[in-house]
Amino acid sequence: MTKIKPYVFNLFAKRYGEKQLLDCLEANEKAGVVYHREGISGDYDNFEDVEKLIEFIRTGSRT
């Protein structure tokens, strides 16, 4: 399975701007979202749908 995380982070930055991406990542980290949990996998991995991952970046919630 190909990881879509790098593609989605790039797409998010193009859509909303790099500052918004960094702000979302910072807010998510403060809320307990982990970028790297074990090795290189974390909460932003294990997504197969681009829009669901974008929404997760925006909200920090999988719902």
N, C-alpha and C. Protein backbone atom coordinates (compact mmCIF):
# COMPACT_ATOMS: atom_id res chain seq x y z
N MET A 1 0.83 -1.19 0.00
CA MET A 1 0.00 0.00 0.00
C MET A 1 0.88 1.25 0.00
N THR A 2 0.62 2.16 -0.87
CA THR A 2 1.36 3.40 -0.96
C THR A 2 0.83 4.39 0.07
N LYS A 3 1.75 5.04 0.75
CA LYS A 3 1.36 6.06 1.73
C LYS A 3 0.92 7.31 1.00
N ILE A 4 -0.23 7.83 1.38
CA ILE A 4 -0.73 9.05 0.72
C ILE A 4 -0.37 10.30 1.52
N LYS A 5 0.19 10.12 2.72
CA LYS A 5 0.47 11.26 3.59
C LYS A 5 1.30 12.35 2.91
N PRO A 6 2.43 12.04 2.28
CA PRO A 6 3.21 13.12 1.65
C PRO A 6 2.41 13.87 0.58
N TYR A 7 1.67 13.13 -0.22
CA TYR A 7 0.84 13.75 -1.27
C TYR A 7 -0.20 14.68 -0.66
N VAL A 8 -0.88 14.21 0.39
CA VAL A 8 -1.95 14.99 1.00
C VAL A 8 -1.40 16.22 1.71
N PHE A 9 -0.28 16.10 2.39
CA PHE A 9 0.31 17.27 3.05
C PHE A 9 0.65 18.34 2.01
N ASN A 10 1.19 17.92 0.88
CA ASN A 10 1.51 18.85 -0.20
C ASN A 10 0.23 19.47 -0.77
N LEU A 11 -0.78 18.65 -1.00
CA LEU A 11 -2.06 19.14 -1.53
C LEU A 11 -2.71 20.11 -0.55
N PHE A 12 -2.69 19.79 0.73
CA PHE A 12 -3.25 20.67 1.75
C PHE A 12 -2.57 22.03 1.71
N ALA A 13 -1.23 22.04 1.63
CA ALA A 13 -0.48 23.29 1.58
C ALA A 13 -0.83 24.10 0.34
N LYS A 14 -1.05 23.44 -0.78
CA LYS A 14 -1.43 24.13 -2.01
C LYS A 14 -2.84 24.73 -1.89
N ARG A 15 -3.75 23.99 -1.25
CA ARG A 15 -5.13 24.47 -1.11
C ARG A 15 -5.27 25.59 -0.09
N TYR A 16 -4.66 25.39 1.07
CA TYR A 16 -4.91 26.28 2.21
C TYR A 16 -3.71 27.12 2.63
N GLY A 17 -2.55 26.81 2.07
CA GLY A 17 -1.34 27.56 2.42
C GLY A 17 -0.50 26.81 3.45
N GLU A 18 0.79 27.04 3.36
CA GLU A 18 1.73 26.36 4.26
C GLU A 18 1.49 26.76 5.72
N LYS A 19 1.18 28.04 5.96
CA LYS A 19 0.94 28.50 7.33
C LYS A 19 -0.25 27.77 7.94
N GLN A 20 -1.31 27.60 7.18
CA GLN A 20 -2.49 26.89 7.69
C GLN A 20 -2.15 25.44 8.01
N LEU A 21 -1.35 24.80 7.16
CA LEU A 21 -0.93 23.42 7.42
C LEU A 21 -0.16 23.35 8.74
N LEU A 22 0.80 24.23 8.90
CA LEU A 22 1.61 24.23 10.13
C LEU A 22 0.76 24.54 11.35
N ASP A 23 -0.17 25.47 11.21
CA ASP A 23 -1.07 25.80 12.33
C ASP A 23 -1.91 24.60 12.72
N CYS A 24 -2.44 23.89 11.73
CA CYS A 24 -3.25 22.70 12.01
C CYS A 24 -2.42 21.61 12.67
N LEU A 25 -1.22 21.38 12.16
CA LEU A 25 -0.36 20.35 12.75
C LEU A 25 -0.02 20.69 14.19
N GLU A 26 0.25 21.96 14.46
CA GLU A 26 0.56 22.40 15.82
C GLU A 26 -0.65 22.21 16.75
N ALA A 27 -1.81 22.63 16.29
CA ALA A 27 -3.03 22.48 17.10
C ALA A 27 -3.33 21.01 17.35
N ASN A 28 -3.16 20.18 16.32
CA ASN A 28 -3.42 18.75 16.47
C ASN A 28 -2.44 18.12 17.45
N GLU A 29 -1.18 18.53 17.38
CA GLU A 29 -0.18 17.99 18.30
C GLU A 29 -0.55 18.34 19.75
N LYS A 30 -0.96 19.57 19.97
CA LYS A 30 -1.38 20.00 21.32
C LYS A 30 -2.60 19.21 21.79
N ALA A 31 -3.42 18.75 20.85
CA ALA A 31 -4.62 17.97 21.19
C ALA A 31 -4.32 16.47 21.30
N GLY A 32 -3.05 16.08 21.09
CA GLY A 32 -2.67 14.68 21.26
C GLY A 32 -2.49 13.87 20.00
N VAL A 33 -2.63 14.50 18.84
CA VAL A 33 -2.40 13.78 17.57
C VAL A 33 -0.90 13.59 17.40
N VAL A 34 -0.47 12.37 17.08
CA VAL A 34 0.94 12.03 17.00
C VAL A 34 1.35 11.84 15.54
N TYR A 35 2.39 12.57 15.12
CA TYR A 35 2.88 12.46 13.75
C TYR A 35 3.62 11.13 13.56
N HIS A 36 4.55 10.83 14.47
CA HIS A 36 5.30 9.56 14.44
C HIS A 36 5.06 8.84 15.75
N ARG A 37 4.38 7.74 15.70
CA ARG A 37 4.12 6.96 16.92
C ARG A 37 5.17 5.85 17.06
N GLU A 38 5.28 5.01 16.07
CA GLU A 38 6.27 3.92 16.07
C GLU A 38 7.00 3.98 14.74
N GLY A 39 8.29 4.22 14.80
CA GLY A 39 9.04 4.35 13.55
C GLY A 39 8.57 5.57 12.80
N ILE A 40 8.05 5.37 11.59
CA ILE A 40 7.58 6.51 10.80
C ILE A 40 6.07 6.58 10.73
N SER A 41 5.36 5.66 11.39
CA SER A 41 3.90 5.67 11.35
C SER A 41 3.32 6.44 12.53
N GLY A 42 2.23 7.13 12.26
CA GLY A 42 1.56 7.89 13.31
C GLY A 42 0.09 8.05 12.97
N ASP A 43 -0.54 9.02 13.61
CA ASP A 43 -1.98 9.22 13.43
C ASP A 43 -2.37 9.69 12.04
N TYR A 44 -1.43 10.27 11.29
CA TYR A 44 -1.73 10.74 9.93
C TYR A 44 -1.59 9.63 8.88
N ASP A 45 -1.13 8.48 9.32
CA ASP A 45 -1.00 7.33 8.42
C ASP A 45 -2.28 6.50 8.48
N ASN A 46 -2.33 5.46 7.69
CA ASN A 46 -3.48 4.54 7.66
C ASN A 46 -4.75 5.19 7.11
N PHE A 47 -4.60 6.18 6.30
CA PHE A 47 -5.73 6.75 5.55
C PHE A 47 -5.60 6.29 4.11
N GLU A 48 -6.71 5.98 3.49
CA GLU A 48 -6.72 5.62 2.08
C GLU A 48 -7.43 6.66 1.24
N ASP A 49 -8.20 7.53 1.89
CA ASP A 49 -8.99 8.55 1.19
C ASP A 49 -8.36 9.92 1.41
N VAL A 50 -8.02 10.59 0.32
CA VAL A 50 -7.35 11.88 0.36
C VAL A 50 -8.17 12.90 1.15
N GLU A 51 -9.46 13.01 0.85
CA GLU A 51 -10.29 14.02 1.50
C GLU A 51 -10.48 13.74 2.99
N LYS A 52 -10.51 12.48 3.38
CA LYS A 52 -10.63 12.14 4.80
C LYS A 52 -9.38 12.56 5.56
N LEU A 53 -8.22 12.37 4.94
CA LEU A 53 -6.98 12.80 5.59
C LEU A 53 -6.91 14.32 5.66
N ILE A 54 -7.34 15.00 4.62
CA ILE A 54 -7.37 16.48 4.65
C ILE A 54 -8.28 16.96 5.78
N GLU A 55 -9.43 16.33 5.92
CA GLU A 55 -10.35 16.71 7.00
C GLU A 55 -9.73 16.42 8.36
N PHE A 56 -9.01 15.31 8.49
CA PHE A 56 -8.33 14.99 9.75
C PHE A 56 -7.27 16.03 10.08
N ILE A 57 -6.52 16.48 9.08
CA ILE A 57 -5.53 17.54 9.30
C ILE A 57 -6.23 18.80 9.78
N ARG A 58 -7.35 19.14 9.15
CA ARG A 58 -8.08 20.36 9.49
C ARG A 58 -8.69 20.31 10.89
N THR A 59 -9.19 19.13 11.30
CA THR A 59 -9.96 19.04 12.54
C THR A 59 -9.28 18.28 13.66
N GLY A 60 -8.35 17.40 13.30
CA GLY A 60 -7.73 16.55 14.31
C GLY A 60 -8.64 15.43 14.77
N SER A 61 -9.73 15.21 14.03
CA SER A 61 -10.72 14.20 14.40
C SER A 61 -11.02 13.28 13.22
N ARG A 62 -11.14 12.01 13.49
CA ARG A 62 -11.45 11.03 12.44
C ARG A 62 -12.93 10.94 12.14
N THR A 63 -13.77 11.63 12.86
CA THR A 63 -15.22 11.55 12.65
C THR A 63 -15.68 12.50 11.58
